[in-house]
Amino acid sequence: MSIVHKYKESFIGIGAGVFTAFVYYNTGYIENRGLTGRFYSATIPQWICYAMWALSLILIITDIRKVRRREDSGSREGTKTNINWLAFILTFIVISVYILIMRPVGFCPSSSAFLFALTCILSEPKERNYILFAIISVIVSVAIYYIFRYGLNLMLPRGIMPF
């Protein structure tokens, strides 16, 4: 078994950490829109980067422990994973469509549709509750819009929405 396959999740954690470093660097270019004191327009994105670094580190540590436990026990269980390729491809398509429609349609409707579609794709067919998924998608999208627009004074694409 190759080292890349053996420590797959560790490499994912390293990649996420490097990507987060790139995002953190770019938070320096976020324009401050009138916020003063301890909070600026880049504050929340930087906090999210700190959380992402912590999660990446946790992923790396847990993967290394898991591989060591597997080697100590001599077990080969957990080395083969089944990938749901249909869900993977549909997720990629949904993300691509979301990116394309966000500006013309607006953040709230496109994010609601994105969250609803992604929740339906990633949930088990037996456990799907479409009404609950729709309600949560709309509430989360509107809450995020208001937090960014009025709490952080950052513009998100308004699109067809009047507010």
C-alpha atoms as a PDB file:
ATOM      1  CA  MET A   1       0.000   0.000   0.000  1.00  0.00           C
ATOM      2  CA  SER A   2       1.432   3.376  -0.993  1.00  0.00           C
ATOM      3  CA  ILE A   3       2.068   6.065   1.584  1.00  0.00           C
ATOM      4  CA  VAL A   4      -0.391   8.380  -0.187  1.00  0.00           C
ATOM      5  CA  HIS A   5      -3.185   5.816   0.105  1.00  0.00           C
ATOM      6  CA  LYS A   6      -2.152   4.890   3.643  1.00  0.00           C
ATOM      7  CA  TYR A   7      -2.211   8.486   4.918  1.00  0.00           C
ATOM      8  CA  LYS A   8      -4.932   9.751   2.568  1.00  0.00           C
ATOM      9  CA  GLU A   9      -6.790  11.768   5.198  1.00  0.00           C
ATOM     10  CA  SER A  10      -3.541  13.303   6.450  1.00  0.00           C
ATOM     11  CA  PHE A  11      -2.798  14.553   2.958  1.00  0.00           C
ATOM     12  CA  ILE A  12      -6.313  15.963   2.751  1.00  0.00           C
ATOM     13  CA  GLY A  13      -5.681  17.752   6.073  1.00  0.00           C
ATOM     14  CA  ILE A  14      -2.384  19.140   4.775  1.00  0.00           C
ATOM     15  CA  GLY A  15      -4.091  20.304   1.569  1.00  0.00           C
ATOM     16  CA  ALA A  16      -6.871  21.954   3.560  1.00  0.00           C
ATOM     17  CA  GLY A  17      -4.283  23.680   5.755  1.00  0.00           C
ATOM     18  CA  VAL A  18      -2.385  25.007   2.733  1.00  0.00           C
ATOM     19  CA  PHE A  19      -5.618  26.192   1.097  1.00  0.00           C
ATOM     20  CA  THR A  20      -6.611  27.874   4.368  1.00  0.00           C
ATOM     21  CA  ALA A  21      -3.241  29.654   4.467  1.00  0.00           C
ATOM     22  CA  PHE A  22      -3.977  30.970   0.959  1.00  0.00           C
ATOM     23  CA  VAL A  23      -7.432  32.161   2.043  1.00  0.00           C
ATOM     24  CA  TYR A  24      -6.011  33.752   5.206  1.00  0.00           C
ATOM     25  CA  TYR A  25      -3.420  35.631   3.154  1.00  0.00           C
ATOM     26  CA  ASN A  26      -6.169  36.959   0.898  1.00  0.00           C
ATOM     27  CA  THR A  27      -8.248  38.200   3.843  1.00  0.00           C
ATOM     28  CA  GLY A  28      -5.731  41.038   4.000  1.00  0.00           C
ATOM     29  CA  TYR A  29      -7.230  42.365   0.769  1.00  0.00           C
ATOM     30  CA  ILE A  30     -10.786  42.581   2.097  1.00  0.00           C
ATOM     31  CA  GLU A  31     -11.884  46.195   2.110  1.00  0.00           C
ATOM     32  CA  ASN A  32     -12.900  47.543   5.516  1.00  0.00           C
ATOM     33  CA  ARG A  33     -16.386  48.997   5.189  1.00  0.00           C
ATOM     34  CA  GLY A  34     -16.670  51.383   8.080  1.00  0.00           C
ATOM     35  CA  LEU A  35     -16.210  48.898  10.900  1.00  0.00           C
ATOM     36  CA  THR A  36     -14.031  50.179  13.721  1.00  0.00           C
ATOM     37  CA  GLY A  37     -12.600  48.861  16.922  1.00  0.00           C
ATOM     38  CA  ARG A  38     -11.692  45.215  17.217  1.00  0.00           C
ATOM     39  CA  PHE A  39     -13.876  43.967  14.352  1.00  0.00           C
ATOM     40  CA  TYR A  40     -13.117  44.593  10.725  1.00  0.00           C
ATOM     41  CA  SER A  41     -14.475  43.093   7.529  1.00  0.00           C
ATOM     42  CA  ALA A  42     -11.703  40.473   7.572  1.00  0.00           C
ATOM     43  CA  THR A  43     -12.213  39.430  11.210  1.00  0.00           C
ATOM     44  CA  ILE A  44     -14.803  36.679  10.674  1.00  0.00           C
ATOM     45  CA  PRO A  45     -13.023  35.173   7.629  1.00  0.00           C
ATOM     46  CA  GLN A  46      -9.808  35.083   9.690  1.00  0.00           C
ATOM     47  CA  TRP A  47     -11.610  33.347  12.576  1.00  0.00           C
ATOM     48  CA  ILE A  48     -12.945  30.791  10.104  1.00  0.00           C
ATOM     49  CA  CYS A  49      -9.379  30.240   8.889  1.00  0.00           C
ATOM     50  CA  TYR A  50      -8.222  29.612  12.468  1.00  0.00           C
ATOM     51  CA  ALA A  51     -11.007  27.050  12.880  1.00  0.00           C
ATOM     52  CA  MET A  52     -10.096  25.418   9.563  1.00  0.00           C
ATOM     53  CA  TRP A  53      -6.442  25.129  10.624  1.00  0.00           C
ATOM     54  CA  ALA A  54      -7.522  23.521  13.886  1.00  0.00           C
ATOM     55  CA  LEU A  55      -9.794  21.075  12.045  1.00  0.00           C
ATOM     56  CA  SER A  56      -7.012  20.259   9.567  1.00  0.00           C
ATOM     57  CA  LEU A  57      -4.644  19.544  12.435  1.00  0.00           C
ATOM     58  CA  ILE A  58      -7.242  17.360  14.155  1.00  0.00           C
ATOM     59  CA  LEU A  59      -7.773  15.435  10.899  1.00  0.00           C
ATOM     60  CA  ILE A  60      -4.034  14.845  10.501  1.00  0.00           C
ATOM     61  CA  ILE A  61      -3.579  13.710  14.114  1.00  0.00           C
ATOM     62  CA  THR A  62      -6.569  11.362  14.093  1.00  0.00           C
ATOM     63  CA  ASP A  63      -5.508   9.832  10.777  1.00  0.00           C
ATOM     64  CA  ILE A  64      -1.976   9.185  12.015  1.00  0.00           C
ATOM     65  CA  ARG A  65      -3.354   7.569  15.187  1.00  0.00           C
ATOM     66  CA  LYS A  66      -5.770   5.461  13.149  1.00  0.00           C
ATOM     67  CA  VAL A  67      -2.995   4.214  10.845  1.00  0.00           C
ATOM     68  CA  ARG A  68      -0.735   3.400  13.801  1.00  0.00           C
ATOM     69  CA  ARG A  69      -3.536   1.474  15.533  1.00  0.00           C
ATOM     70  CA  ARG A  70      -4.202  -0.427  12.332  1.00  0.00           C
ATOM     71  CA  GLU A  71      -0.489  -1.284  11.988  1.00  0.00           C
ATOM     72  CA  ASP A  72      -0.230  -2.362  15.644  1.00  0.00           C
ATOM     73  CA  SER A  73      -3.181  -4.705  15.313  1.00  0.00           C
ATOM     74  CA  GLY A  74      -2.052  -5.982  11.920  1.00  0.00           C
ATOM     75  CA  SER A  75      -5.548  -5.361  10.632  1.00  0.00           C
ATOM     76  CA  ARG A  76      -6.318  -4.341   7.081  1.00  0.00           C
ATOM     77  CA  GLU A  77      -9.853  -3.183   7.906  1.00  0.00           C
ATOM     78  CA  GLY A  78     -10.760   0.322   6.905  1.00  0.00           C
ATOM     79  CA  THR A  79      -8.212   0.393   4.085  1.00  0.00           C
ATOM     80  CA  LYS A  80     -10.833   0.090   1.357  1.00  0.00           C
ATOM     81  CA  THR A  81     -13.551   2.713   1.140  1.00  0.00           C
ATOM     82  CA  ASN A  82     -16.563   2.733  -1.115  1.00  0.00           C
ATOM     83  CA  ILE A  83     -17.074   6.027  -2.866  1.00  0.00           C
ATOM     84  CA  ASN A  84     -20.537   7.009  -3.972  1.00  0.00           C
ATOM     85  CA  TRP A  85     -19.511   8.354  -7.360  1.00  0.00           C
ATOM     86  CA  LEU A  86     -23.008   9.525  -8.235  1.00  0.00           C
ATOM     87  CA  ALA A  87     -23.155  11.702  -5.114  1.00  0.00           C
ATOM     88  CA  PHE A  88     -19.631  12.976  -5.840  1.00  0.00           C
ATOM     89  CA  ILE A  89     -20.468  13.970  -9.417  1.00  0.00           C
ATOM     90  CA  LEU A  90     -23.833  15.484  -8.455  1.00  0.00           C
ATOM     91  CA  THR A  91     -22.157  17.513  -5.697  1.00  0.00           C
ATOM     92  CA  PHE A  92     -19.626  18.866  -8.184  1.00  0.00           C
ATOM     93  CA  ILE A  93     -22.430  19.783 -10.605  1.00  0.00           C
ATOM     94  CA  VAL A  94     -24.494  21.475  -7.868  1.00  0.00           C
ATOM     95  CA  ILE A  95     -21.470  23.529  -6.717  1.00  0.00           C
ATOM     96  CA  SER A  96     -20.741  24.568 -10.315  1.00  0.00           C
ATOM     97  CA  VAL A  97     -24.339  25.639 -10.943  1.00  0.00           C
ATOM     98  CA  TYR A  98     -24.375  27.513  -7.616  1.00  0.00           C
ATOM     99  CA  ILE A  99     -21.306  29.500  -8.603  1.00  0.00           C
ATOM    100  CA  LEU A 100     -22.816  30.328 -12.004  1.00  0.00           C
ATOM    101  CA  ILE A 101     -26.237  31.468 -10.765  1.00  0.00           C
ATOM    102  CA  MET A 102     -25.302  33.314  -7.571  1.00  0.00           C
ATOM    103  CA  ARG A 103     -24.662  36.731  -9.125  1.00  0.00           C
ATOM    104  CA  PRO A 104     -27.683  36.923 -11.473  1.00  0.00           C
ATOM    105  CA  VAL A 105     -30.174  35.214  -9.153  1.00  0.00           C
ATOM    106  CA  GLY A 106     -28.818  36.470  -5.831  1.00  0.00           C
ATOM    107  CA  PHE A 107     -27.369  34.990  -2.688  1.00  0.00           C
ATOM    108  CA  CYS A 108     -30.552  33.976  -0.854  1.00  0.00           C
ATOM    109  CA  PRO A 109     -32.384  32.066  -3.603  1.00  0.00           C
ATOM    110  CA  SER A 110     -29.249  30.434  -5.004  1.00  0.00           C
ATOM    111  CA  SER A 111     -27.925  29.480  -1.550  1.00  0.00           C
ATOM    112  CA  SER A 112     -31.302  28.088  -0.527  1.00  0.00           C
ATOM    113  CA  ALA A 113     -31.443  25.953  -3.662  1.00  0.00           C
ATOM    114  CA  PHE A 114     -27.814  24.900  -3.193  1.00  0.00           C
ATOM    115  CA  LEU A 115     -28.286  23.859   0.434  1.00  0.00           C
ATOM    116  CA  PHE A 116     -31.506  22.027  -0.378  1.00  0.00           C
ATOM    117  CA  ALA A 117     -29.954  20.139  -3.308  1.00  0.00           C
ATOM    118  CA  LEU A 118     -26.788  19.264  -1.411  1.00  0.00           C
ATOM    119  CA  THR A 119     -28.724  18.068   1.624  1.00  0.00           C
ATOM    120  CA  CYS A 120     -30.868  15.857  -0.605  1.00  0.00           C
ATOM    121  CA  ILE A 121     -27.821  14.443  -2.390  1.00  0.00           C
ATOM    122  CA  LEU A 122     -25.839  13.706   0.758  1.00  0.00           C
ATOM    123  CA  SER A 123     -28.646  12.359   2.953  1.00  0.00           C
ATOM    124  CA  GLU A 124     -29.749   8.755   3.000  1.00  0.00           C
ATOM    125  CA  PRO A 125     -32.827   8.179   0.816  1.00  0.00           C
ATOM    126  CA  LYS A 126     -34.780   6.724   3.732  1.00  0.00           C
ATOM    127  CA  GLU A 127     -34.072   9.737   5.949  1.00  0.00           C
ATOM    128  CA  ARG A 128     -34.977  12.503   3.515  1.00  0.00           C
ATOM    129  CA  ASN A 129     -37.426  15.056   4.836  1.00  0.00           C
ATOM    130  CA  TYR A 130     -37.865  17.524   1.984  1.00  0.00           C
ATOM    131  CA  ILE A 131     -40.017  19.993   3.922  1.00  0.00           C
ATOM    132  CA  LEU A 132     -37.470  20.191   6.751  1.00  0.00           C
ATOM    133  CA  PHE A 133     -34.594  20.511   4.259  1.00  0.00           C
ATOM    134  CA  ALA A 134     -36.377  23.387   2.478  1.00  0.00           C
ATOM    135  CA  ILE A 135     -37.182  25.252   5.703  1.00  0.00           C
ATOM    136  CA  ILE A 136     -33.625  24.917   7.043  1.00  0.00           C
ATOM    137  CA  SER A 137     -32.128  25.950   3.683  1.00  0.00           C
ATOM    138  CA  VAL A 138     -34.185  29.140   3.527  1.00  0.00           C
ATOM    139  CA  ILE A 139     -33.594  30.074   7.185  1.00  0.00           C
ATOM    140  CA  VAL A 140     -29.831  29.502   6.970  1.00  0.00           C
ATOM    141  CA  SER A 141     -29.500  31.440   3.703  1.00  0.00           C
ATOM    142  CA  VAL A 142     -31.489  34.442   4.931  1.00  0.00           C
ATOM    143  CA  ALA A 143     -29.647  34.435   8.283  1.00  0.00           C
ATOM    144  CA  ILE A 144     -26.249  34.386   6.574  1.00  0.00           C
ATOM    145  CA  TYR A 145     -27.338  37.174   4.223  1.00  0.00           C
ATOM    146  CA  TYR A 146     -28.452  39.416   7.084  1.00  0.00           C
ATOM    147  CA  ILE A 147     -25.338  38.666   9.160  1.00  0.00           C
ATOM    148  CA  PHE A 148     -23.053  39.614   6.290  1.00  0.00           C
ATOM    149  CA  ARG A 149     -25.110  42.516   4.960  1.00  0.00           C
ATOM    150  CA  TYR A 150     -26.152  44.254   8.160  1.00  0.00           C
ATOM    151  CA  GLY A 151     -23.877  42.800  10.842  1.00  0.00           C
ATOM    152  CA  LEU A 152     -20.580  42.891   8.935  1.00  0.00           C
ATOM    153  CA  ASN A 153     -21.589  45.510   6.352  1.00  0.00           C
ATOM    154  CA  LEU A 154     -20.464  43.265   3.467  1.00  0.00           C
ATOM    155  CA  MET A 155     -22.424  43.120   0.245  1.00  0.00           C
ATOM    156  CA  LEU A 156     -23.610  39.789  -1.108  1.00  0.00           C
ATOM    157  CA  PRO A 157     -25.239  39.457  -4.530  1.00  0.00           C
ATOM    158  CA  ARG A 158     -28.812  40.662  -4.179  1.00  0.00           C
ATOM    159  CA  GLY A 159     -30.030  39.436  -7.565  1.00  0.00           C
ATOM    160  CA  ILE A 160     -33.810  39.249  -7.865  1.00  0.00           C
ATOM    161  CA  MET A 161     -34.493  39.791  -4.154  1.00  0.00           C
ATOM    162  CA  PRO A 162     -35.880  43.218  -3.169  1.00  0.00           C
ATOM    163  CA  PHE A 163     -34.007  43.464   0.163  1.00  0.00           C
END
